[in-house]
Protein backbone atom coordinates (compact mmCIF):
# COMPACT_ATOMS: atom_id res chain seq x y z
CA MET A 1 -9.37 -1.78 -4.39
CA PRO A 2 -6.74 -4.34 -5.43
CA VAL A 3 -3.30 -2.77 -5.14
CA MET A 4 -0.02 -4.24 -6.30
CA SER A 5 3.32 -2.57 -5.63
CA ILE A 6 6.67 -2.86 -7.34
CA VAL A 7 9.76 -2.11 -5.27
CA GLY A 8 12.72 -2.08 -7.61
CA CYS A 9 15.93 -0.66 -8.96
CA GLU A 10 15.69 2.28 -11.34
CA MET A 11 17.80 0.21 -13.75
CA PHE A 12 14.54 -1.63 -14.55
CA GLU A 13 12.65 1.47 -15.72
CA ASP A 14 12.21 0.15 -19.26
CA GLU A 15 10.84 -3.22 -18.23
CA ILE A 16 8.40 -1.60 -15.79
CA VAL A 17 7.15 0.80 -18.49
CA TYR A 18 6.73 -2.17 -20.84
CA LEU A 19 4.63 -4.10 -18.30
CA ILE A 20 2.49 -1.05 -17.57
CA GLN A 21 1.97 -0.24 -21.24
CA ASN A 22 0.93 -3.80 -22.07
CA ASP A 23 -1.42 -4.57 -19.19
CA PRO A 24 -5.03 -3.86 -20.29
CA THR A 25 -6.35 -4.74 -16.81
CA LEU A 26 -4.41 -1.91 -15.16
CA ASP A 27 -6.49 1.18 -14.39
CA GLU A 28 -4.26 3.33 -12.20
CA VAL A 29 -0.51 3.83 -11.92
CA ILE A 30 1.11 5.79 -9.11
CA VAL A 31 4.84 6.45 -9.11
CA VAL A 32 6.25 7.24 -5.68
CA GLU A 33 7.97 10.60 -6.00
CA ASN A 34 11.62 10.58 -5.02
CA GLU A 35 15.01 11.30 -6.60
CA ASN A 36 14.83 8.00 -8.50
CA SER A 37 11.41 8.46 -10.10
CA VAL A 38 12.31 11.10 -12.72
CA GLY A 39 13.25 8.70 -15.52
CA LEU A 40 10.21 6.48 -15.10
CA ASP A 41 7.91 9.50 -15.00
CA GLN A 42 9.48 10.86 -18.20
CA LYS A 43 9.17 7.55 -20.06
CA LEU A 44 5.50 7.20 -19.11
CA ASN A 45 4.95 10.77 -20.31
CA ASP A 46 6.79 9.98 -23.56
CA ILE A 47 4.32 7.19 -24.39
CA GLY A 48 1.36 9.29 -23.26
CA TYR A 49 0.46 7.00 -20.37
CA SER A 50 -1.67 8.69 -17.71
CA HIS A 51 -0.23 8.27 -14.22
CA ALA A 52 0.26 10.11 -10.96
CA VAL A 53 3.54 11.00 -9.29
CA LEU A 54 3.00 11.45 -5.58
CA PRO A 55 5.07 11.46 -2.39
CA LEU A 56 4.27 8.41 -0.30
CA ALA A 57 2.57 10.57 2.34
CA LYS A 58 -0.12 11.54 -0.19
CA ILE A 59 -0.90 8.00 -1.38
CA THR A 60 -4.02 6.43 0.12
CA ILE A 61 -3.37 3.25 2.07
CA LYS A 62 -5.20 0.18 0.78
CA SER A 63 -7.71 -0.07 3.64
CA GLU A 64 -9.14 3.34 2.70
CA ARG A 65 -9.56 2.61 -1.03
CA LYS A 66 -13.19 2.04 -1.95
CA ASP A 67 -13.24 1.34 -5.70
CA VAL A 68 -13.11 -2.47 -5.87
CA GLU A 69 -13.36 -2.51 -9.66
CA ARG A 70 -9.99 -0.87 -10.24
CA PHE A 71 -6.55 -2.49 -10.14
CA SER A 72 -3.84 -0.08 -9.01
CA LEU A 73 -0.08 -0.33 -9.37
CA ILE A 74 2.29 1.62 -7.14
CA VAL A 75 5.94 1.80 -8.23
CA TYR A 76 8.65 2.66 -5.71
CA LEU A 77 12.13 2.89 -7.26
CA LEU A 78 15.41 2.74 -5.37
CA GLU A 79 18.74 4.22 -6.45
CA ILE A 80 21.12 2.38 -8.78
CA GLU A 81 23.97 3.12 -6.36
CA LEU A 82 22.67 0.43 -3.99
CA ASP A 83 23.48 -2.33 -6.49
CA SER A 84 27.09 -2.60 -5.36
CA GLN A 85 26.50 -2.09 -1.65
CA GLY A 86 25.45 -5.53 -0.46
CA GLU A 87 23.99 -5.27 3.01
CA ARG A 88 22.89 -1.68 2.49
CA LEU A 89 20.92 -2.81 -0.55
CA LYS A 90 19.29 -5.53 1.51
CA ASP A 91 18.48 -3.08 4.32
CA GLU A 92 16.92 -0.55 1.93
CA VAL A 93 14.88 -3.14 0.03
CA TYR A 94 13.60 -4.74 3.24
CA LYS A 95 12.80 -1.36 4.76
CA THR A 96 10.90 -0.26 1.64
CA VAL A 97 8.98 -3.53 1.35
CA ASP A 98 8.00 -3.23 5.00
CA LEU A 99 6.89 0.35 4.37
CA MET A 100 4.75 -0.63 1.35
CA VAL A 101 2.85 -3.44 3.05
CA LYS A 102 0.06 -1.16 4.26
CA TYR A 103 -0.45 0.11 0.71
CA SER A 104 -0.41 -3.27 -1.02
CA ASP A 105 -2.18 -6.55 -1.58
CA SER A 106 0.96 -7.91 -3.26
CA ILE A 107 4.53 -6.68 -3.64
CA LEU A 108 6.91 -7.64 -6.44
CA VAL A 109 10.57 -6.98 -5.68
CA PHE A 110 12.21 -5.98 -8.97
CA TYR A 111 15.68 -7.29 -8.12
CA GLY A 112 17.68 -10.48 -8.49
CA LEU A 113 19.91 -12.13 -5.92
CA CYS A 114 22.35 -9.19 -6.11
CA GLY A 115 25.28 -11.04 -4.62
CA ASN A 116 22.92 -13.35 -2.70
CA VAL A 117 21.76 -10.64 -0.27
CA LEU A 118 18.11 -11.06 -1.34
CA VAL A 119 18.07 -14.85 -1.49
CA ASN A 120 15.80 -15.20 1.57
CA ILE A 121 13.46 -12.24 1.04
CA GLU A 122 10.33 -14.32 0.42
CA LYS A 123 11.04 -16.50 3.46
CA ASP A 124 11.86 -13.49 5.63
CA PHE A 125 8.49 -11.90 4.76
CA GLU A 126 6.39 -15.09 4.76
CA SER A 127 4.39 -13.92 7.79
CA CYS A 128 3.62 -10.62 6.06
CA PRO A 129 -0.11 -9.88 5.50
CA CYS A 130 0.51 -9.46 1.78
CA PRO A 131 2.49 -11.80 -0.52
CA ILE A 132 6.06 -10.78 -1.35
CA SER A 133 7.75 -12.13 -4.49
CA ILE A 134 10.96 -11.48 -6.42
CA LEU A 135 12.05 -11.88 -10.05
CA LYS A 136 12.25 -15.59 -10.92
CA ASP A 137 12.71 -17.73 -13.98
CA GLU A 138 10.41 -20.45 -15.28
CA ASP A 139 12.00 -22.97 -12.89
CA ASP A 140 11.16 -20.76 -9.91
CA ARG A 141 14.78 -19.75 -9.38
CA ILE A 142 15.59 -16.18 -8.35
CA VAL A 143 17.57 -14.52 -11.14
CA ASP A 144 21.17 -13.60 -10.42
CA ASP A 145 21.00 -9.93 -11.39
CA CYS A 146 19.57 -7.47 -13.92
CA ILE A 147 21.52 -8.95 -16.84
CA CYS A 148 20.37 -12.47 -16.02
CA ALA A 149 16.79 -11.19 -15.92
CA ALA A 150 17.15 -9.27 -19.20
CA LEU A 151 18.56 -12.33 -21.00
CA GLY A 152 15.86 -14.68 -19.73
CA GLY A 153 17.79 -16.88 -17.32
CA ARG A 154 21.07 -18.18 -15.97
CA GLU A 155 21.87 -20.59 -18.81
CA VAL A 156 21.55 -17.86 -21.45
CA TYR A 157 23.62 -15.56 -19.25
CA MET A 158 26.46 -18.07 -18.93
CA GLN A 159 26.67 -19.05 -22.61
CA PRO A 160 28.57 -16.00 -23.94
CA LEU A 161 31.01 -16.32 -21.04
CA LYS A 162 31.67 -19.91 -22.11
CA ASP A 163 31.92 -18.90 -25.76
CA THR A 164 34.65 -16.35 -25.03
CA LYS A 165 36.58 -18.90 -22.94
CA GLY A 166 36.75 -16.78 -19.82
CA GLU A 167 37.53 -13.44 -21.46
CA GLY A 168 35.72 -10.62 -19.67
CA ILE A 169 32.41 -9.34 -21.03
CA TYR A 170 30.85 -6.05 -20.00
CA PHE A 171 27.09 -6.34 -20.48
CA LEU A 172 24.99 -3.36 -21.56
CA THR A 173 21.21 -3.22 -21.66
CA PRO A 174 19.66 0.01 -23.02
CA MET A 175 19.52 1.48 -19.50
CA GLN A 176 23.07 0.46 -18.72
CA ALA A 177 24.31 1.88 -22.00
CA ALA A 178 22.72 5.19 -21.01
CA ARG A 179 24.22 5.04 -17.52
CA TRP A 180 27.54 3.25 -18.04
CA ARG A 181 29.58 6.15 -16.69
CA ASP A 182 27.57 6.02 -13.47
CA MET A 183 27.94 2.24 -13.34
CA VAL A 184 31.74 2.16 -13.57
CA VAL A 185 31.84 4.50 -10.57
CA ILE A 186 29.15 2.59 -8.64
CA THR A 187 30.96 -0.71 -9.16
CA ARG A 188 34.21 0.97 -8.07
CA LEU A 189 36.02 0.39 -11.35
CA THR A 190 37.09 4.03 -11.26
CA PRO A 191 36.30 7.24 -9.35
CA ASP A 192 36.37 9.27 -12.58
CA PRO A 193 34.42 7.87 -15.57
CA ASN A 194 35.66 10.73 -17.75
CA ASP A 195 39.26 9.62 -17.35
CA ILE A 196 39.02 7.17 -20.24
CA GLU A 197 42.69 6.16 -20.10
CA MET A 198 42.34 5.19 -16.45
CA VAL A 199 39.11 3.27 -17.16
CA LYS A 200 40.93 1.44 -19.99
CA ILE A 201 43.69 0.41 -17.59
CA VAL A 202 41.13 -0.91 -15.09
CA PHE A 203 39.19 -2.81 -17.78
CA ASP A 204 42.47 -4.26 -19.04
CA TYR A 205 43.49 -5.36 -15.56
CA ALA A 206 40.05 -6.92 -15.01
CA GLY A 207 40.37 -8.86 -18.27
CA TYR A 208 37.52 -7.27 -20.20
CA LYS A 209 37.72 -7.82 -23.96
CA HIS A 210 34.10 -7.64 -25.10
CA VAL A 211 30.94 -5.63 -24.66
CA ALA A 212 27.65 -7.49 -24.93
CA LYS A 213 24.82 -5.50 -26.49
CA VAL A 214 21.72 -6.93 -24.81
CA ASP A 215 18.85 -5.99 -27.10
CA THR A 216 15.74 -6.17 -24.93
CA GLY A 217 13.52 -5.08 -27.81
CA LEU A 218 12.51 -2.00 -25.82
CA ALA A 219 13.10 1.46 -27.23
CA TYR A 220 12.31 3.73 -24.28
CA GLU A 221 16.00 4.67 -24.12
CA LYS A 222 17.21 6.44 -27.25
CA ASP A 223 20.28 5.67 -29.39
CA PHE A 224 21.11 2.31 -27.80
CA GLU A 225 23.21 1.02 -30.70
CA GLU A 226 25.16 4.26 -30.98
CA LYS A 227 25.92 4.26 -27.26
CA VAL A 228 27.17 0.66 -27.34
CA ASP A 229 29.27 1.36 -30.43
CA GLU A 230 30.80 4.41 -28.74
CA PHE A 231 31.57 2.35 -25.63
CA ALA A 232 33.22 -0.34 -27.78
CA ARG A 233 35.33 2.26 -29.63
CA LEU A 234 36.45 3.96 -26.42
CA PHE A 235 37.74 0.74 -24.92
CA ASN A 236 38.58 -1.21 -28.08
CA PHE A 237 36.07 -3.94 -27.20
CA ASN A 238 34.57 -6.50 -29.53
CA VAL A 239 30.75 -6.17 -29.69
CA ILE A 240 28.71 -9.31 -28.97
CA ASP A 241 25.06 -9.08 -30.00
CA LEU A 242 22.68 -10.79 -27.56
CA LYS A 243 18.92 -11.03 -27.81
CA GLY A 244 17.11 -10.13 -24.62
CA ASN A 245 14.02 -11.85 -23.32
CA LEU A 246 11.16 -10.28 -21.34
CA LYS A 247 9.70 -13.59 -20.17
CA ILE A 248 11.04 -13.39 -16.61
CA PHE A 249 9.50 -9.95 -16.12
CA GLU A 250 6.18 -11.04 -17.61
CA ILE A 251 5.97 -14.25 -15.56
CA SER A 252 6.98 -12.56 -12.31
CA TYR A 253 4.52 -9.71 -12.88
CA GLU A 254 1.60 -12.01 -13.69
CA ASN A 255 2.36 -14.22 -10.68
CA ALA A 256 2.48 -11.19 -8.37
CA LYS A 257 -0.78 -9.97 -9.86
CA ALA A 258 -2.39 -13.36 -9.24
CA ASP A 259 -1.12 -13.18 -5.64
CA MET A 260 -2.76 -9.78 -5.34
CA PHE A 261 -6.18 -11.05 -6.36
CA LYS A 262 -5.86 -14.08 -4.07
CA ASN A 263 -5.06 -11.77 -1.20
CA ILE A 264 -8.21 -9.65 -1.62
CA LYS A 265 -10.75 -10.24 1.11
CA PRO A 266 -14.47 -10.22 0.17
CA ASN A 267 -15.10 -6.89 1.89
CA ASP A 268 -12.02 -5.13 0.45
């Protein structure tokens, strides 16, 4: 049975649900059960999408799957906290990819460069028995981070920074708007996200003046506009409306799927 795996950050829950919901060739979805899988499971339940949530130990490895007519997707999410931890992020992603090889005919790493720690992941796994790919733009460049991916590429990402002449912009996708308090702690802006006055001081010192509302067009997270407006009011930020783009996710997913089918041996 053809099996593709996604190893990614839970910040990409919405985009993964979107890809699953809009792939008519997909017959089976398995979410690897861990502390990071709750949100994805809930969103798939919310749209009525049938899927399994299983610990890795209960998922059948690819060599024992007999149904060659079905295309399976396994999703393994890692914690958001890794995003600011450089080498630990790299270690966890590499370890998880290595773990998923025996389950997969192709693995798509749902991350960007993340401070350049994942720049060589495809090269480092080129001898792997299944193809490993990472989120890339139309020019085959690895995206910088989750915002770059959500906006559709580096040039679109840089434009608002140019427009504001170097004034700081805090970018919020729907997921980040829902988790901004977690993110300011993870990125070490403050140890206490509920101490708004302290967060204001830190934002001021860092030069933030604007919040960018990155509208991905996905509505799996509720009350996006209200959450961005509240964030802007709390910190007296100007709101910049930006249109997201799902092209990078779609292209990367379809390329990884094509790699999966190429990697299937006749007797699989």
